[in-house]
Amino acid sequence: MKFFLECFTSLAFALFCGQASADVTGIFKGEFEVYAKVGTCFPASPVGTSGAIRFQQLADGTVLNLNERSQVRSYFLASDTFDSTFKVVQTMLMRYDFAPISHPVSVRFITQAPAHITSQTQTLKVTGEVKGFTLPECRAVFRATLVRWLP
């Protein structure tokens, strides 16, 4: 079921964002954990939220999926890659159905090792922030370790 959910959310989000490009750096999968927050978050603190993470750089953008136990948050950054500045992303949230998140969301990678992802990169470690995680003023700080899933 989890595999189906990941494939379905990735496919649906790719269609939503007009993705049809070839893969540039492969798909990375791993685990993430929200370990800090800034601002007011609803309905409860996102600290302790954890789950599977999926990351992919495509020719026309970057896809980041945070798969929690009860929902999936998908972020798409068109024609760019994440770095240390907040960048506005297109969003989708699947809880009871697919819907865009109703407020602006920005994502940044505070740290990324290695700094540049290539077709030879096998492991990726990221510390990042999602501004607008549950409310516009909620910033969730997460860390993740990912490995190459597909070439």
N, C-alpha and C. Protein backbone atom coordinates (compact mmCIF):
# COMPACT_ATOMS: atom_id res chain seq x y z
N MET A 1 0.82 -1.20 0.00
CA MET A 1 0.00 0.00 0.00
C MET A 1 0.86 1.26 0.00
N LYS A 2 1.92 1.26 0.83
CA LYS A 2 2.80 2.42 0.89
C LYS A 2 3.45 2.69 -0.46
N PHE A 3 3.90 1.59 -1.14
CA PHE A 3 4.52 1.75 -2.45
C PHE A 3 3.50 2.33 -3.43
N PHE A 4 2.27 1.81 -3.42
CA PHE A 4 1.23 2.32 -4.30
C PHE A 4 0.99 3.80 -4.04
N LEU A 5 0.91 4.18 -2.75
CA LEU A 5 0.67 5.58 -2.39
C LEU A 5 1.79 6.47 -2.89
N GLU A 6 3.06 6.04 -2.73
CA GLU A 6 4.19 6.84 -3.21
C GLU A 6 4.15 6.97 -4.72
N CYS A 7 3.91 5.86 -5.42
CA CYS A 7 3.85 5.92 -6.89
C CYS A 7 2.70 6.79 -7.35
N PHE A 8 1.53 6.63 -6.72
CA PHE A 8 0.36 7.41 -7.10
C PHE A 8 0.60 8.90 -6.86
N THR A 9 1.14 9.25 -5.69
CA THR A 9 1.36 10.67 -5.40
C THR A 9 2.41 11.26 -6.32
N SER A 10 3.44 10.50 -6.62
CA SER A 10 4.47 11.00 -7.53
C SER A 10 3.91 11.21 -8.92
N LEU A 11 3.15 10.23 -9.40
CA LEU A 11 2.55 10.34 -10.73
C LEU A 11 1.54 11.48 -10.79
N ALA A 12 0.67 11.56 -9.81
CA ALA A 12 -0.34 12.62 -9.81
C ALA A 12 0.31 13.98 -9.71
N PHE A 13 1.34 14.12 -8.89
CA PHE A 13 1.99 15.41 -8.76
C PHE A 13 2.73 15.76 -10.04
N ALA A 14 3.35 14.77 -10.67
CA ALA A 14 4.04 15.02 -11.93
C ALA A 14 3.05 15.50 -12.99
N LEU A 15 1.88 14.87 -13.03
CA LEU A 15 0.87 15.30 -13.99
C LEU A 15 0.35 16.70 -13.65
N PHE A 16 0.15 16.96 -12.37
CA PHE A 16 -0.32 18.27 -11.92
C PHE A 16 0.66 19.37 -12.34
N CYS A 17 1.95 19.08 -12.27
CA CYS A 17 2.97 20.08 -12.56
C CYS A 17 3.40 20.06 -14.02
N GLY A 18 2.82 19.19 -14.84
CA GLY A 18 3.19 19.14 -16.24
C GLY A 18 4.52 18.45 -16.47
N GLN A 19 4.92 17.56 -15.58
CA GLN A 19 6.19 16.87 -15.69
C GLN A 19 6.11 15.80 -16.77
N ALA A 20 7.00 15.84 -17.71
CA ALA A 20 7.12 14.77 -18.68
C ALA A 20 8.56 14.65 -19.12
N SER A 21 9.47 15.27 -18.40
CA SER A 21 10.87 15.31 -18.79
C SER A 21 11.62 14.07 -18.34
N ALA A 22 12.80 13.92 -18.94
CA ALA A 22 13.67 12.82 -18.54
C ALA A 22 14.30 13.12 -17.19
N ASP A 23 14.57 12.05 -16.46
CA ASP A 23 15.22 12.15 -15.17
C ASP A 23 16.65 12.63 -15.35
N VAL A 24 17.08 13.58 -14.53
CA VAL A 24 18.43 14.13 -14.64
C VAL A 24 19.38 13.47 -13.66
N THR A 25 18.99 13.33 -12.39
CA THR A 25 19.92 12.80 -11.39
C THR A 25 19.40 11.57 -10.67
N GLY A 26 18.33 10.99 -11.10
CA GLY A 26 17.81 9.81 -10.43
C GLY A 26 16.85 10.16 -9.31
N ILE A 27 16.30 9.13 -8.71
CA ILE A 27 15.37 9.30 -7.60
C ILE A 27 16.09 8.92 -6.32
N PHE A 28 15.92 9.75 -5.30
CA PHE A 28 16.49 9.48 -3.99
C PHE A 28 15.34 9.25 -3.01
N LYS A 29 15.49 8.23 -2.15
CA LYS A 29 14.48 7.93 -1.14
C LYS A 29 15.17 7.77 0.20
N GLY A 30 14.45 8.10 1.25
CA GLY A 30 15.00 7.95 2.59
C GLY A 30 13.97 8.27 3.65
N GLU A 31 14.46 8.72 4.78
CA GLU A 31 13.60 9.06 5.92
C GLU A 31 13.86 10.51 6.32
N PHE A 32 12.79 11.19 6.78
CA PHE A 32 12.94 12.55 7.27
C PHE A 32 12.35 12.65 8.67
N GLU A 33 12.78 13.69 9.38
CA GLU A 33 12.27 13.96 10.71
C GLU A 33 12.20 15.48 10.90
N VAL A 34 11.07 15.99 11.35
CA VAL A 34 10.95 17.39 11.73
C VAL A 34 11.44 17.49 13.17
N TYR A 35 12.52 18.25 13.38
CA TYR A 35 13.11 18.30 14.72
C TYR A 35 13.01 19.68 15.38
N ALA A 36 12.50 20.67 14.67
CA ALA A 36 12.33 22.00 15.26
C ALA A 36 11.26 22.75 14.49
N LYS A 37 10.74 23.80 15.11
CA LYS A 37 9.75 24.65 14.45
C LYS A 37 10.00 26.09 14.84
N VAL A 38 9.54 26.98 13.98
CA VAL A 38 9.58 28.42 14.22
C VAL A 38 8.18 28.94 13.92
N GLY A 39 7.64 29.78 14.80
CA GLY A 39 6.31 30.34 14.56
C GLY A 39 5.20 29.45 15.07
N THR A 40 3.98 29.85 14.74
CA THR A 40 2.78 29.15 15.17
C THR A 40 2.39 28.11 14.14
N CYS A 41 2.20 26.89 14.61
CA CYS A 41 1.82 25.79 13.73
C CYS A 41 0.48 25.23 14.18
N PHE A 42 -0.29 24.68 13.24
CA PHE A 42 -1.61 24.14 13.54
C PHE A 42 -1.69 22.74 12.97
N PRO A 43 -2.38 21.83 13.51
CA PRO A 43 -3.14 21.90 14.74
C PRO A 43 -2.26 21.68 15.96
N ALA A 44 -1.13 21.05 15.79
CA ALA A 44 -0.19 20.85 16.89
C ALA A 44 1.22 21.05 16.33
N SER A 45 2.18 21.07 17.19
CA SER A 45 3.56 21.24 16.77
C SER A 45 3.95 20.15 15.77
N PRO A 46 4.61 20.51 14.68
CA PRO A 46 5.05 19.49 13.74
C PRO A 46 6.29 18.73 14.22
N VAL A 47 6.89 19.17 15.36
CA VAL A 47 8.08 18.51 15.86
C VAL A 47 7.75 17.05 16.16
N GLY A 48 8.59 16.17 15.65
CA GLY A 48 8.36 14.73 15.81
C GLY A 48 7.72 14.09 14.59
N THR A 49 7.22 14.91 13.65
CA THR A 49 6.69 14.37 12.41
C THR A 49 7.82 13.66 11.67
N SER A 50 7.55 12.48 11.19
CA SER A 50 8.58 11.73 10.47
C SER A 50 7.91 10.86 9.41
N GLY A 51 8.73 10.37 8.52
CA GLY A 51 8.22 9.51 7.47
C GLY A 51 9.21 9.34 6.34
N ALA A 52 8.71 8.88 5.22
CA ALA A 52 9.54 8.65 4.05
C ALA A 52 9.66 9.95 3.25
N ILE A 53 10.82 10.14 2.64
CA ILE A 53 11.05 11.31 1.79
C ILE A 53 11.49 10.81 0.41
N ARG A 54 11.05 11.50 -0.61
CA ARG A 54 11.42 11.19 -1.98
C ARG A 54 11.86 12.49 -2.63
N PHE A 55 12.97 12.47 -3.34
CA PHE A 55 13.55 13.67 -3.93
C PHE A 55 14.01 13.34 -5.34
N GLN A 56 13.72 14.25 -6.27
CA GLN A 56 14.14 14.03 -7.65
C GLN A 56 14.37 15.35 -8.35
N GLN A 57 15.52 15.47 -9.02
CA GLN A 57 15.78 16.64 -9.86
C GLN A 57 15.50 16.24 -11.31
N LEU A 58 14.62 17.02 -11.94
CA LEU A 58 14.25 16.79 -13.33
C LEU A 58 14.80 17.93 -14.18
N ALA A 59 14.72 17.78 -15.47
CA ALA A 59 15.21 18.83 -16.37
C ALA A 59 14.44 20.13 -16.17
N ASP A 60 13.18 20.05 -15.75
CA ASP A 60 12.38 21.27 -15.60
C ASP A 60 11.99 21.58 -14.16
N GLY A 61 12.72 21.02 -13.18
CA GLY A 61 12.43 21.37 -11.80
C GLY A 61 12.83 20.29 -10.82
N THR A 62 12.42 20.50 -9.57
CA THR A 62 12.77 19.59 -8.49
C THR A 62 11.50 19.20 -7.74
N VAL A 63 11.36 17.90 -7.45
CA VAL A 63 10.21 17.38 -6.72
C VAL A 63 10.68 16.88 -5.36
N LEU A 64 9.95 17.26 -4.31
CA LEU A 64 10.23 16.81 -2.95
C LEU A 64 8.92 16.34 -2.35
N ASN A 65 8.85 15.06 -1.92
CA ASN A 65 7.66 14.49 -1.30
C ASN A 65 7.99 14.11 0.14
N LEU A 66 7.16 14.55 1.08
CA LEU A 66 7.27 14.14 2.47
C LEU A 66 6.06 13.26 2.77
N ASN A 67 6.30 11.97 2.93
CA ASN A 67 5.23 10.99 3.13
C ASN A 67 5.12 10.66 4.61
N GLU A 68 4.11 11.23 5.25
CA GLU A 68 3.85 10.93 6.65
C GLU A 68 2.89 9.76 6.73
N ARG A 69 2.59 9.32 7.93
CA ARG A 69 1.71 8.17 8.08
C ARG A 69 0.30 8.46 7.56
N SER A 70 -0.22 9.66 7.79
CA SER A 70 -1.60 9.94 7.42
C SER A 70 -1.76 10.91 6.25
N GLN A 71 -0.65 11.41 5.71
CA GLN A 71 -0.76 12.35 4.60
C GLN A 71 0.56 12.45 3.84
N VAL A 72 0.47 13.02 2.65
CA VAL A 72 1.65 13.23 1.81
C VAL A 72 1.66 14.69 1.40
N ARG A 73 2.81 15.34 1.57
CA ARG A 73 3.01 16.72 1.11
C ARG A 73 4.00 16.67 -0.05
N SER A 74 3.60 17.23 -1.19
CA SER A 74 4.46 17.26 -2.36
C SER A 74 4.76 18.70 -2.73
N TYR A 75 6.03 18.96 -2.99
CA TYR A 75 6.48 20.30 -3.35
C TYR A 75 7.22 20.22 -4.67
N PHE A 76 6.90 21.15 -5.57
CA PHE A 76 7.57 21.20 -6.86
C PHE A 76 8.15 22.60 -7.06
N LEU A 77 9.43 22.65 -7.36
CA LEU A 77 10.14 23.90 -7.65
C LEU A 77 10.45 23.91 -9.13
N ALA A 78 9.77 24.75 -9.89
CA ALA A 78 9.94 24.79 -11.34
C ALA A 78 11.27 25.41 -11.74
N SER A 79 11.94 24.77 -12.67
CA SER A 79 13.15 25.29 -13.32
C SER A 79 14.24 25.72 -12.36
N ASP A 80 14.40 25.01 -11.24
CA ASP A 80 15.40 25.42 -10.26
C ASP A 80 15.70 24.24 -9.33
N THR A 81 16.72 24.42 -8.50
CA THR A 81 17.05 23.45 -7.46
C THR A 81 17.03 24.18 -6.12
N PHE A 82 16.88 23.43 -5.04
CA PHE A 82 16.86 24.03 -3.72
C PHE A 82 18.25 24.45 -3.29
N ASP A 83 18.32 25.56 -2.57
CA ASP A 83 19.56 26.01 -1.95
C ASP A 83 19.20 26.67 -0.63
N SER A 84 20.06 27.53 -0.08
CA SER A 84 19.84 28.08 1.25
C SER A 84 18.84 29.23 1.31
N THR A 85 18.29 29.63 0.15
CA THR A 85 17.28 30.69 0.16
C THR A 85 15.89 30.05 0.03
N PHE A 86 14.91 30.66 0.69
CA PHE A 86 13.55 30.16 0.56
C PHE A 86 13.06 30.38 -0.86
N LYS A 87 12.49 29.35 -1.46
CA LYS A 87 11.94 29.43 -2.81
C LYS A 87 10.49 28.97 -2.78
N VAL A 88 9.61 29.75 -3.40
CA VAL A 88 8.19 29.41 -3.44
C VAL A 88 8.01 28.18 -4.31
N VAL A 89 7.23 27.23 -3.81
CA VAL A 89 6.99 25.97 -4.51
C VAL A 89 5.51 25.79 -4.82
N GLN A 90 5.22 24.98 -5.82
CA GLN A 90 3.86 24.52 -6.07
C GLN A 90 3.62 23.36 -5.11
N THR A 91 2.42 23.23 -4.60
CA THR A 91 2.18 22.23 -3.57
C THR A 91 0.98 21.37 -3.87
N MET A 92 1.01 20.19 -3.30
CA MET A 92 -0.15 19.30 -3.27
C MET A 92 -0.12 18.60 -1.93
N LEU A 93 -1.29 18.39 -1.37
CA LEU A 93 -1.44 17.68 -0.11
C LEU A 93 -2.45 16.57 -0.33
N MET A 94 -2.08 15.37 0.06
CA MET A 94 -3.03 14.27 -0.01
C MET A 94 -3.30 13.82 1.41
N ARG A 95 -4.51 14.03 1.84
CA ARG A 95 -4.95 13.50 3.13
C ARG A 95 -6.23 12.70 2.88
N TYR A 96 -7.29 13.37 2.55
CA TYR A 96 -8.53 12.67 2.19
C TYR A 96 -8.69 12.67 0.67
N ASP A 97 -8.09 13.64 0.02
CA ASP A 97 -8.03 13.72 -1.43
C ASP A 97 -6.86 14.63 -1.78
N PHE A 98 -6.57 14.78 -3.06
CA PHE A 98 -5.51 15.67 -3.50
C PHE A 98 -6.03 17.10 -3.54
N ALA A 99 -5.27 18.03 -3.01
CA ALA A 99 -5.64 19.44 -3.06
C ALA A 99 -4.38 20.27 -2.89
N PRO A 100 -4.34 21.43 -3.54
CA PRO A 100 -3.22 22.34 -3.28
C PRO A 100 -3.32 22.87 -1.85
N ILE A 101 -2.19 23.17 -1.26
CA ILE A 101 -2.19 23.81 0.05
C ILE A 101 -2.66 25.24 -0.16
N SER A 102 -3.55 25.73 0.69
CA SER A 102 -4.26 26.98 0.43
C SER A 102 -3.47 28.25 0.77
N HIS A 103 -2.24 28.13 1.19
CA HIS A 103 -1.42 29.30 1.47
C HIS A 103 -0.05 29.11 0.83
N PRO A 104 0.71 30.19 0.64
CA PRO A 104 2.03 30.06 0.02
C PRO A 104 2.97 29.18 0.87
N VAL A 105 3.77 28.38 0.18
CA VAL A 105 4.76 27.53 0.84
C VAL A 105 6.10 27.78 0.17
N SER A 106 7.15 27.88 0.99
CA SER A 106 8.51 28.04 0.50
C SER A 106 9.39 26.97 1.15
N VAL A 107 10.37 26.51 0.40
CA VAL A 107 11.28 25.48 0.89
C VAL A 107 12.71 25.95 0.67
N ARG A 108 13.58 25.59 1.62
CA ARG A 108 15.02 25.81 1.42
C ARG A 108 15.78 24.66 2.02
N PHE A 109 16.97 24.41 1.48
CA PHE A 109 17.89 23.44 2.05
C PHE A 109 18.96 24.24 2.78
N ILE A 110 19.02 24.13 4.09
CA ILE A 110 20.02 24.84 4.89
C ILE A 110 21.39 24.24 4.64
N THR A 111 21.46 22.90 4.69
CA THR A 111 22.70 22.19 4.34
C THR A 111 22.35 21.05 3.40
N GLN A 112 23.29 20.72 2.55
CA GLN A 112 23.13 19.61 1.62
C GLN A 112 24.51 19.00 1.38
N ALA A 113 24.64 17.71 1.61
CA ALA A 113 25.92 17.03 1.36
C ALA A 113 25.66 15.78 0.53
N PRO A 114 26.29 15.69 -0.62
CA PRO A 114 27.22 16.64 -1.20
C PRO A 114 26.48 17.90 -1.70
N ALA A 115 27.23 18.96 -1.89
CA ALA A 115 26.64 20.24 -2.29
C ALA A 115 26.04 20.19 -3.69
N HIS A 116 26.62 19.38 -4.58
CA HIS A 116 26.12 19.27 -5.95
C HIS A 116 25.75 17.82 -6.22
N ILE A 117 24.54 17.61 -6.70
CA ILE A 117 24.05 16.28 -7.01
C ILE A 117 24.36 15.99 -8.47
N THR A 118 24.98 14.85 -8.71
CA THR A 118 25.29 14.43 -10.07
C THR A 118 24.70 13.04 -10.29
N SER A 119 24.88 12.52 -11.47
CA SER A 119 24.39 11.17 -11.76
C SER A 119 25.18 10.11 -11.00
N GLN A 120 26.30 10.49 -10.40
CA GLN A 120 27.12 9.56 -9.62
C GLN A 120 26.83 9.61 -8.12
N THR A 121 26.03 10.58 -7.67
CA THR A 121 25.74 10.73 -6.25
C THR A 121 24.93 9.54 -5.77
N GLN A 122 25.38 8.90 -4.68
CA GLN A 122 24.70 7.73 -4.14
C GLN A 122 23.94 8.03 -2.85
N THR A 123 24.43 8.98 -2.04
CA THR A 123 23.82 9.32 -0.76
C THR A 123 23.68 10.83 -0.67
N LEU A 124 22.61 11.29 -0.06
CA LEU A 124 22.33 12.71 0.08
C LEU A 124 21.85 12.97 1.51
N LYS A 125 22.46 13.95 2.18
CA LYS A 125 22.02 14.37 3.52
C LYS A 125 21.59 15.81 3.42
N VAL A 126 20.39 16.09 3.95
CA VAL A 126 19.80 17.42 3.83
C VAL A 126 19.25 17.87 5.17
N THR A 127 19.46 19.14 5.48
CA THR A 127 18.72 19.82 6.54
C THR A 127 17.97 20.94 5.84
N GLY A 128 16.68 21.02 6.04
CA GLY A 128 15.89 22.01 5.32
C GLY A 128 14.78 22.60 6.17
N GLU A 129 14.09 23.57 5.56
CA GLU A 129 12.95 24.21 6.21
C GLU A 129 11.81 24.32 5.22
N VAL A 130 10.60 24.13 5.74
CA VAL A 130 9.38 24.35 4.96
C VAL A 130 8.63 25.48 5.64
N LYS A 131 8.58 26.63 5.00
CA LYS A 131 7.81 27.77 5.51
C LYS A 131 6.39 27.64 5.00
N GLY A 132 5.43 27.55 5.92
CA GLY A 132 4.05 27.30 5.54
C GLY A 132 3.68 25.84 5.69
N PHE A 133 4.38 25.13 6.59
CA PHE A 133 4.17 23.69 6.76
C PHE A 133 2.72 23.36 7.10
N THR A 134 2.16 24.01 8.13
CA THR A 134 0.75 23.80 8.46
C THR A 134 -0.06 25.09 8.39
N LEU A 135 0.56 26.20 8.69
CA LEU A 135 -0.03 27.54 8.58
C LEU A 135 0.99 28.44 7.89
N PRO A 136 0.57 29.58 7.35
CA PRO A 136 1.53 30.45 6.66
C PRO A 136 2.73 30.84 7.52
N GLU A 137 2.52 31.01 8.84
CA GLU A 137 3.62 31.44 9.71
C GLU A 137 4.38 30.28 10.35
N CYS A 138 4.08 29.05 9.99
CA CYS A 138 4.71 27.87 10.56
C CYS A 138 5.91 27.44 9.71
N ARG A 139 7.07 27.37 10.33
CA ARG A 139 8.28 26.87 9.65
C ARG A 139 8.72 25.59 10.34
N ALA A 140 8.75 24.51 9.60
CA ALA A 140 9.20 23.21 10.12
C ALA A 140 10.62 22.97 9.63
N VAL A 141 11.51 22.63 10.56
CA VAL A 141 12.90 22.34 10.23
C VAL A 141 13.06 20.82 10.22
N PHE A 142 13.55 20.28 9.10
CA PHE A 142 13.66 18.83 8.98
C PHE A 142 15.07 18.42 8.60
N ARG A 143 15.38 17.15 8.87
CA ARG A 143 16.64 16.57 8.41
C ARG A 143 16.30 15.24 7.74
N ALA A 144 17.12 14.87 6.77
CA ALA A 144 16.85 13.65 6.02
C ALA A 144 18.14 13.05 5.49
N THR A 145 18.13 11.75 5.41
CA THR A 145 19.20 11.02 4.74
C THR A 145 18.55 10.19 3.66
N LEU A 146 19.07 10.32 2.45
CA LEU A 146 18.48 9.64 1.29
C LEU A 146 19.53 8.85 0.54
N VAL A 147 19.11 7.81 -0.13
CA VAL A 147 20.00 7.03 -0.99
C VAL A 147 19.38 6.97 -2.38
N ARG A 148 20.26 6.78 -3.37
CA ARG A 148 19.76 6.66 -4.74
C ARG A 148 18.90 5.41 -4.84
N TRP A 149 17.71 5.60 -5.39
CA TRP A 149 16.77 4.51 -5.54
C TRP A 149 16.78 3.96 -6.96
N LEU A 150 16.80 4.85 -7.92
CA LEU A 150 16.87 4.48 -9.32
C LEU A 150 17.99 5.27 -9.99
N PRO A 151 18.66 4.67 -10.97
CA PRO A 151 19.74 5.41 -11.68
C PRO A 151 19.23 6.58 -12.48
